[in-house]
Amino acid sequence: LIGRLVPRERLTEGLAWMGTGIGIGAAAGSS
């Protein structure tokens, strides 16, 4: 979905925000 929604030249940034969401969530969840 992210790949479809973001501009192609910003794909790394879009996919990285998916990882960012996981990271922030994992931090909040573990805490």
Full PDB file with SEQRES, HELIX, SHEET, SSBOND, CRYST1, ORIGX, SCALE, CONECT and MASTER records, all heavy atoms in Angstrom:
SEQRES   1 A   31  LEU ILE GLY ARG LEU VAL PRO ARG GLU ARG LEU THR GLU          
SEQRES   2 A   31  GLY LEU ALA TRP MET GLY THR GLY ILE GLY ILE GLY ALA          
SEQRES   3 A   31  ALA ALA GLY SER SER                                          
HELIX    1 AA1 ILE A    2  LEU A    5  1                                   4    
HELIX    2 AA2 ARG A    8  ARG A   10  5                                   3    
HELIX    3 AA3 LEU A   11  SER A   30  1                                  20    
CRYST1    1.000    1.000    1.000  90.00  90.00  90.00 P 1           1          
ORIGX1      1.000000  0.000000  0.000000        0.00000                         
ORIGX2      0.000000  1.000000  0.000000        0.00000                         
ORIGX3      0.000000  0.000000  1.000000        0.00000                         
SCALE1      1.000000  0.000000  0.000000        0.00000                         
SCALE2      0.000000  1.000000  0.000000        0.00000                         
SCALE3      0.000000  0.000000  1.000000        0.00000                         
ATOM      1  N   LEU A   1       0.831  -1.208   0.000  1.00  0.00           N  
ATOM      2  CA  LEU A   1       0.000   0.000   0.000  1.00  0.00           C  
ATOM      3  C   LEU A   1       0.864   1.257   0.000  1.00  0.00           C  
ATOM      4  O   LEU A   1       0.610   2.206  -0.759  1.00  0.00           O  
ATOM      5  CB  LEU A   1      -0.917   0.006   1.225  1.00  0.00           C  
ATOM      6  CG  LEU A   1      -2.350  -0.482   1.037  1.00  0.00           C  
ATOM      7  CD1 LEU A   1      -3.075  -0.504   2.373  1.00  0.00           C  
ATOM      8  CD2 LEU A   1      -3.100   0.392   0.036  1.00  0.00           C  
ATOM      9  N   ILE A   2       1.882   1.266   0.848  1.00  0.00           N  
ATOM     10  CA  ILE A   2       2.791   2.415   0.876  1.00  0.00           C  
ATOM     11  C   ILE A   2       3.440   2.588  -0.484  1.00  0.00           C  
ATOM     12  O   ILE A   2       3.579   3.716  -0.989  1.00  0.00           O  
ATOM     13  CB  ILE A   2       3.868   2.218   1.968  1.00  0.00           C  
ATOM     14  CG1 ILE A   2       3.234   2.313   3.355  1.00  0.00           C  
ATOM     15  CG2 ILE A   2       4.981   3.263   1.825  1.00  0.00           C  
ATOM     16  CD1 ILE A   2       2.668   3.671   3.702  1.00  0.00           C  
ATOM     17  N   GLY A   3       3.846   1.492  -1.097  1.00  0.00           N  
ATOM     18  CA  GLY A   3       4.464   1.565  -2.415  1.00  0.00           C  
ATOM     19  C   GLY A   3       3.550   2.174  -3.465  1.00  0.00           C  
ATOM     20  O   GLY A   3       4.004   2.845  -4.387  1.00  0.00           O  
ATOM     21  N   ARG A   4       2.258   1.961  -3.312  1.00  0.00           N  
ATOM     22  CA  ARG A   4       1.310   2.546  -4.260  1.00  0.00           C  
ATOM     23  C   ARG A   4       1.055   4.025  -3.986  1.00  0.00           C  
ATOM     24  O   ARG A   4       0.803   4.800  -4.906  1.00  0.00           O  
ATOM     25  CB  ARG A   4      -0.014   1.790  -4.196  1.00  0.00           C  
ATOM     26  CG  ARG A   4       0.029   0.383  -4.764  1.00  0.00           C  
ATOM     27  CD  ARG A   4      -1.368  -0.194  -4.829  1.00  0.00           C  
ATOM     28  NE  ARG A   4      -1.354  -1.547  -5.359  1.00  0.00           N  
ATOM     29  CZ  ARG A   4      -2.456  -2.276  -5.570  1.00  0.00           C  
ATOM     30  NH1 ARG A   4      -3.631  -1.753  -5.288  1.00  0.00           N  
ATOM     31  NH2 ARG A   4      -2.379  -3.501  -6.049  1.00  0.00           N  
ATOM     32  N   LEU A   5       1.097   4.397  -2.720  1.00  0.00           N  
ATOM     33  CA  LEU A   5       0.649   5.733  -2.337  1.00  0.00           C  
ATOM     34  C   LEU A   5       1.731   6.803  -2.432  1.00  0.00           C  
ATOM     35  O   LEU A   5       1.431   7.964  -2.707  1.00  0.00           O  
ATOM     36  CB  LEU A   5       0.083   5.704  -0.908  1.00  0.00           C  
ATOM     37  CG  LEU A   5      -1.153   4.812  -0.695  1.00  0.00           C  
ATOM     38  CD1 LEU A   5      -1.542   4.803   0.780  1.00  0.00           C  
ATOM     39  CD2 LEU A   5      -2.316   5.268  -1.558  1.00  0.00           C  
ATOM     40  N   VAL A   6       2.997   6.452  -2.176  1.00  0.00           N  
ATOM     41  CA  VAL A   6       4.057   7.469  -2.142  1.00  0.00           C  
ATOM     42  C   VAL A   6       4.713   7.607  -3.517  1.00  0.00           C  
ATOM     43  O   VAL A   6       4.690   6.675  -4.308  1.00  0.00           O  
ATOM     44  CB  VAL A   6       5.126   7.135  -1.083  1.00  0.00           C  
ATOM     45  CG1 VAL A   6       4.501   6.955   0.283  1.00  0.00           C  
ATOM     46  CG2 VAL A   6       5.923   5.884  -1.472  1.00  0.00           C  
ATOM     47  N   PRO A   7       5.322   8.766  -3.795  1.00  0.00           N  
ATOM     48  CA  PRO A   7       6.071   8.918  -5.048  1.00  0.00           C  
ATOM     49  C   PRO A   7       7.211   7.903  -5.114  1.00  0.00           C  
ATOM     50  O   PRO A   7       7.840   7.585  -4.100  1.00  0.00           O  
ATOM     51  CB  PRO A   7       6.616  10.352  -4.971  1.00  0.00           C  
ATOM     52  CG  PRO A   7       5.712  11.045  -4.015  1.00  0.00           C  
ATOM     53  CD  PRO A   7       5.287  10.009  -3.013  1.00  0.00           C  
ATOM     54  N   ARG A   8       7.489   7.432  -6.305  1.00  0.00           N  
ATOM     55  CA  ARG A   8       8.479   6.374  -6.466  1.00  0.00           C  
ATOM     56  C   ARG A   8       9.855   6.792  -5.953  1.00  0.00           C  
ATOM     57  O   ARG A   8      10.574   5.989  -5.361  1.00  0.00           O  
ATOM     58  CB  ARG A   8       8.574   5.979  -7.943  1.00  0.00           C  
ATOM     59  CG  ARG A   8       9.536   4.824  -8.209  1.00  0.00           C  
ATOM     60  CD  ARG A   8       9.505   4.414  -9.666  1.00  0.00           C  
ATOM     61  NE  ARG A   8      10.394   3.302  -9.914  1.00  0.00           N  
ATOM     62  CZ  ARG A   8      10.570   2.742 -11.104  1.00  0.00           C  
ATOM     63  NH1 ARG A   8       9.886   3.198 -12.146  1.00  0.00           N  
ATOM     64  NH2 ARG A   8      11.400   1.737 -11.259  1.00  0.00           N  
ATOM     65  N   GLU A   9      10.231   8.050  -6.169  1.00  0.00           N  
ATOM     66  CA  GLU A   9      11.555   8.506  -5.756  1.00  0.00           C  
ATOM     67  C   GLU A   9      11.662   8.679  -4.232  1.00  0.00           C  
ATOM     68  O   GLU A   9      12.749   8.953  -3.713  1.00  0.00           O  
ATOM     69  CB  GLU A   9      11.905   9.825  -6.447  1.00  0.00           C  
ATOM     70  CG  GLU A   9      11.062  11.034  -6.056  1.00  0.00           C  
ATOM     71  CD  GLU A   9       9.775  11.147  -6.854  1.00  0.00           C  
ATOM     72  OE1 GLU A   9       9.456  10.190  -7.615  1.00  0.00           O  
ATOM     73  OE2 GLU A   9       9.092  12.184  -6.739  1.00  0.00           O  
ATOM     74  N   ARG A  10      10.564   8.482  -3.519  1.00  0.00           N  
ATOM     75  CA  ARG A  10      10.590   8.587  -2.056  1.00  0.00           C  
ATOM     76  C   ARG A  10      10.181   7.267  -1.403  1.00  0.00           C  
ATOM     77  O   ARG A  10       9.732   7.231  -0.260  1.00  0.00           O  
ATOM     78  CB  ARG A  10       9.668   9.718  -1.593  1.00  0.00           C  
ATOM     79  CG  ARG A  10      10.056  11.081  -2.151  1.00  0.00           C  
ATOM     80  CD  ARG A  10       9.199  12.190  -1.596  1.00  0.00           C  
ATOM     81  NE  ARG A  10       9.470  12.411  -0.178  1.00  0.00           N  
ATOM     82  CZ  ARG A  10       8.795  13.302   0.561  1.00  0.00           C  
ATOM     83  NH1 ARG A  10       7.843  14.030   0.005  1.00  0.00           N  
ATOM     84  NH2 ARG A  10       9.094  13.456   1.834  1.00  0.00           N  
ATOM     85  N   LEU A  11      10.364   6.167  -2.150  1.00  0.00           N  
ATOM     86  CA  LEU A  11       9.946   4.867  -1.655  1.00  0.00           C  
ATOM     87  C   LEU A  11      10.700   4.468  -0.389  1.00  0.00           C  
ATOM     88  O   LEU A  11      10.106   3.947   0.557  1.00  0.00           O  
ATOM     89  CB  LEU A  11      10.146   3.800  -2.740  1.00  0.00           C  
ATOM     90  CG  LEU A  11       9.760   2.377  -2.339  1.00  0.00           C  
ATOM     91  CD1 LEU A  11       8.288   2.300  -1.985  1.00  0.00           C  
ATOM     92  CD2 LEU A  11      10.102   1.397  -3.462  1.00  0.00           C  
ATOM     93  N   THR A  12      12.014   4.704  -0.347  1.00  0.00           N  
ATOM     94  CA  THR A  12      12.779   4.336   0.845  1.00  0.00           C  
ATOM     95  C   THR A  12      12.233   5.048   2.070  1.00  0.00           C  
ATOM     96  O   THR A  12      12.077   4.455   3.144  1.00  0.00           O  
ATOM     97  CB  THR A  12      14.273   4.690   0.665  1.00  0.00           C  
ATOM     98  OG1 THR A  12      14.779   4.047  -0.503  1.00  0.00           O  
ATOM     99  CG2 THR A  12      15.079   4.239   1.870  1.00  0.00           C  
ATOM    100  N   GLU A  13      11.931   6.332   1.912  1.00  0.00           N  
ATOM    101  CA  GLU A  13      11.389   7.103   3.027  1.00  0.00           C  
ATOM    102  C   GLU A  13      10.036   6.565   3.471  1.00  0.00           C  
ATOM    103  O   GLU A  13       9.769   6.420   4.672  1.00  0.00           O  
ATOM    104  CB  GLU A  13      11.271   8.576   2.624  1.00  0.00           C  
ATOM    105  CG  GLU A  13      10.832   9.490   3.752  1.00  0.00           C  
ATOM    106  CD  GLU A  13      10.730  10.945   3.310  1.00  0.00           C  
ATOM    107  OE1 GLU A  13      11.028  11.240   2.134  1.00  0.00           O  
ATOM    108  OE2 GLU A  13      10.343  11.772   4.151  1.00  0.00           O  
ATOM    109  N   GLY A  14       9.181   6.243   2.501  1.00  0.00           N  
ATOM    110  CA  GLY A  14       7.867   5.707   2.842  1.00  0.00           C  
ATOM    111  C   GLY A  14       7.958   4.372   3.566  1.00  0.00           C  
ATOM    112  O   GLY A  14       7.300   4.154   4.588  1.00  0.00           O  
ATOM    113  N   LEU A  15       8.783   3.466   3.040  1.00  0.00           N  
ATOM    114  CA  LEU A  15       8.948   2.165   3.675  1.00  0.00           C  
ATOM    115  C   LEU A  15       9.614   2.293   5.040  1.00  0.00           C  
ATOM    116  O   LEU A  15       9.306   1.531   5.966  1.00  0.00           O  
ATOM    117  CB  LEU A  15       9.772   1.247   2.771  1.00  0.00           C  
ATOM    118  CG  LEU A  15       9.101   0.817   1.458  1.00  0.00           C  
ATOM    119  CD1 LEU A  15      10.087   0.042   0.593  1.00  0.00           C  
ATOM    120  CD2 LEU A  15       7.862  -0.023   1.737  1.00  0.00           C  
ATOM    121  N   ALA A  16      10.526   3.240   5.161  1.00  0.00           N  
ATOM    122  CA  ALA A  16      11.193   3.437   6.450  1.00  0.00           C  
ATOM    123  C   ALA A  16      10.208   3.906   7.509  1.00  0.00           C  
ATOM    124  O   ALA A  16      10.341   3.566   8.689  1.00  0.00           O  
ATOM    125  CB  ALA A  16      12.335   4.438   6.310  1.00  0.00           C  
ATOM    126  N   TRP A  17       9.202   4.690   7.105  1.00  0.00           N  
ATOM    127  CA  TRP A  17       8.192   5.108   8.076  1.00  0.00           C  
ATOM    128  C   TRP A  17       7.378   3.921   8.565  1.00  0.00           C  
ATOM    129  O   TRP A  17       6.867   3.921   9.690  1.00  0.00           O  
ATOM    130  CB  TRP A  17       7.271   6.173   7.481  1.00  0.00           C  
ATOM    131  CG  TRP A  17       7.778   7.549   7.738  1.00  0.00           C  
ATOM    132  CD1 TRP A  17       8.434   8.386   6.870  1.00  0.00           C  
ATOM    133  CD2 TRP A  17       7.706   8.266   8.978  1.00  0.00           C  
ATOM    134  NE1 TRP A  17       8.763   9.557   7.503  1.00  0.00           N  
ATOM    135  CE2 TRP A  17       8.333   9.512   8.790  1.00  0.00           C  
ATOM    136  CE3 TRP A  17       7.170   7.973  10.232  1.00  0.00           C  
ATOM    137  CZ2 TRP A  17       8.433  10.459   9.813  1.00  0.00           C  
ATOM    138  CZ3 TRP A  17       7.271   8.904  11.251  1.00  0.00           C  
ATOM    139  CH2 TRP A  17       7.892  10.144  11.023  1.00  0.00           C  
ATOM    140  N   MET A  18       7.258   2.890   7.732  1.00  0.00           N  
ATOM    141  CA  MET A  18       6.618   1.661   8.207  1.00  0.00           C  
ATOM    142  C   MET A  18       7.450   1.063   9.334  1.00  0.00           C  
ATOM    143  O   MET A  18       6.924   0.643  10.374  1.00  0.00           O  
ATOM    144  CB  MET A  18       6.483   0.670   7.055  1.00  0.00           C  
ATOM    145  CG  MET A  18       5.523   1.121   5.967  1.00  0.00           C  
ATOM    146  SD  MET A  18       3.822   1.142   6.528  1.00  0.00           S  
ATOM    147  CE  MET A  18       3.437  -0.606   6.441  1.00  0.00           C  
ATOM    148  N   GLY A  19       8.768   1.037   9.135  1.00  0.00           N  
ATOM    149  CA  GLY A  19       9.650   0.556  10.187  1.00  0.00           C  
ATOM    150  C   GLY A  19       9.625   1.458  11.401  1.00  0.00           C  
ATOM    151  O   GLY A  19       9.702   0.993  12.550  1.00  0.00           O  
ATOM    152  N   THR A  20       9.504   2.763  11.156  1.00  0.00           N  
ATOM    153  CA  THR A  20       9.429   3.721  12.256  1.00  0.00           C  
ATOM    154  C   THR A  20       8.190   3.461  13.110  1.00  0.00           C  
ATOM    155  O   THR A  20       8.241   3.494  14.348  1.00  0.00           O  
ATOM    156  CB  THR A  20       9.395   5.155  11.707  1.00  0.00           C  
ATOM    157  OG1 THR A  20      10.629   5.432  11.057  1.00  0.00           O  
ATOM    158  CG2 THR A  20       9.178   6.164  12.821  1.00  0.00           C  
ATOM    159  N   GLY A  21       7.069   3.202  12.435  1.00  0.00           N  
ATOM    160  CA  GLY A  21       5.849   2.886  13.174  1.00  0.00           C  
ATOM    161  C   GLY A  21       6.030   1.639  14.029  1.00  0.00           C  
ATOM    162  O   GLY A  21       5.642   1.615  15.208  1.00  0.00           O  
ATOM    163  N   ILE A  22       6.626   0.612  13.450  1.00  0.00           N  
ATOM    164  CA  ILE A  22       6.882  -0.621  14.202  1.00  0.00           C  
ATOM    165  C   ILE A  22       7.790  -0.326  15.388  1.00  0.00           C  
ATOM    166  O   ILE A  22       7.568  -0.806  16.509  1.00  0.00           O  
ATOM    167  CB  ILE A  22       7.534  -1.683  13.291  1.00  0.00           C  
ATOM    168  CG1 ILE A  22       6.529  -2.208  12.254  1.00  0.00           C  
ATOM    169  CG2 ILE A  22       8.088  -2.834  14.131  1.00  0.00           C  
ATOM    170  CD1 ILE A  22       5.489  -3.140  12.820  1.00  0.00           C  
ATOM    171  N   GLY A  23       8.842   0.477  15.154  1.00  0.00           N  
ATOM    172  CA  GLY A  23       9.812   0.774  16.211  1.00  0.00           C  
ATOM    173  C   GLY A  23       9.211   1.539  17.376  1.00  0.00           C  
ATOM    174  O   GLY A  23       9.409   1.191  18.541  1.00  0.00           O  
ATOM    175  N   ILE A  24       8.479   2.608  17.054  1.00  0.00           N  
ATOM    176  CA  ILE A  24       7.839   3.388  18.111  1.00  0.00           C  
ATOM    177  C   ILE A  24       6.819   2.530  18.856  1.00  0.00           C  
ATOM    178  O   ILE A  24       6.717   2.563  20.085  1.00  0.00           O  
ATOM    179  CB  ILE A  24       7.164   4.640  17.526  1.00  0.00           C  
ATOM    180  CG1 ILE A  24       8.226   5.600  16.973  1.00  0.00           C  
ATOM    181  CG2 ILE A  24       6.316   5.341  18.583  1.00  0.00           C  
ATOM    182  CD1 ILE A  24       7.649   6.822  16.302  1.00  0.00           C  
ATOM    183  N   GLY A  25       6.073   1.736  18.091  1.00  0.00           N  
ATOM    184  CA  GLY A  25       5.091   0.865  18.711  1.00  0.00           C  
ATOM    185  C   GLY A  25       5.724  -0.166  19.625  1.00  0.00           C  
ATOM    186  O   GLY A  25       5.244  -0.408  20.742  1.00  0.00           O  
ATOM    187  N   ALA A  26       6.804  -0.796  19.162  1.00  0.00           N  
ATOM    188  CA  ALA A  26       7.485  -1.795  19.980  1.00  0.00           C  
ATOM    189  C   ALA A  26       8.009  -1.165  21.266  1.00  0.00           C  
ATOM    190  O   ALA A  26       7.961  -1.773  22.342  1.00  0.00           O  
ATOM    191  CB  ALA A  26       8.630  -2.427  19.199  1.00  0.00           C  
ATOM    192  N   ALA A  27       8.491   0.078  21.150  1.00  0.00           N  
ATOM    193  CA  ALA A  27       8.986   0.777  22.333  1.00  0.00           C  
ATOM    194  C   ALA A  27       7.857   1.024  23.325  1.00  0.00           C  
ATOM    195  O   ALA A  27       7.980   0.744  24.525  1.00  0.00           O  
ATOM    196  CB  ALA A  27       9.612   2.111  21.920  1.00  0.00           C  
ATOM    197  N   ALA A  28       6.741   1.546  22.818  1.00  0.00           N  
ATOM    198  CA  ALA A  28       5.607   1.811  23.697  1.00  0.00           C  
ATOM    199  C   ALA A  28       5.053   0.520  24.289  1.00  0.00           C  
ATOM    200  O   ALA A  28       4.741   0.441  25.485  1.00  0.00           O  
ATOM    201  CB  ALA A  28       4.518   2.550  22.918  1.00  0.00           C  
ATOM    202  N   GLY A  29       4.934  -0.495  23.445  1.00  0.00           N  
ATOM    203  CA  GLY A  29       4.383  -1.769  23.909  1.00  0.00           C  
ATOM    204  C   GLY A  29       5.225  -2.409  24.992  1.00  0.00           C  
ATOM    205  O   GLY A  29       4.697  -2.878  26.011  1.00  0.00           O  
ATOM    206  N   SER A  30       6.551  -2.449  24.788  1.00  0.00           N  
ATOM    207  CA  SER A  30       7.424  -3.073  25.787  1.00  0.00           C  
ATOM    208  C   SER A  30       7.430  -2.271  27.086  1.00  0.00           C  
ATOM    209  O   SER A  30       7.452  -2.841  28.181  1.00  0.00           O  
ATOM    210  CB  SER A  30       8.851  -3.206  25.239  1.00  0.00           C  
ATOM    211  OG  SER A  30       9.404  -1.935  24.935  1.00  0.00           O  
ATOM    212  N   SER A  31       7.398  -0.941  26.963  1.00  0.00           N  
ATOM    213  CA  SER A  31       7.408  -0.096  28.153  1.00  0.00           C  
ATOM    214  C   SER A  31       6.121  -0.249  28.955  1.00  0.00           C  
ATOM    215  O   SER A  31       6.152  -0.442  30.182  1.00  0.00           O  
ATOM    216  CB  SER A  31       7.608   1.369  27.746  1.00  0.00           C  
ATOM    217  OG  SER A  31       7.687   2.195  28.877  1.00  0.00           O  
TER     218      SER A  31                                                      
MASTER        0    0    0    3    0    0    0    6  217    1    0    3          
END                                                                             
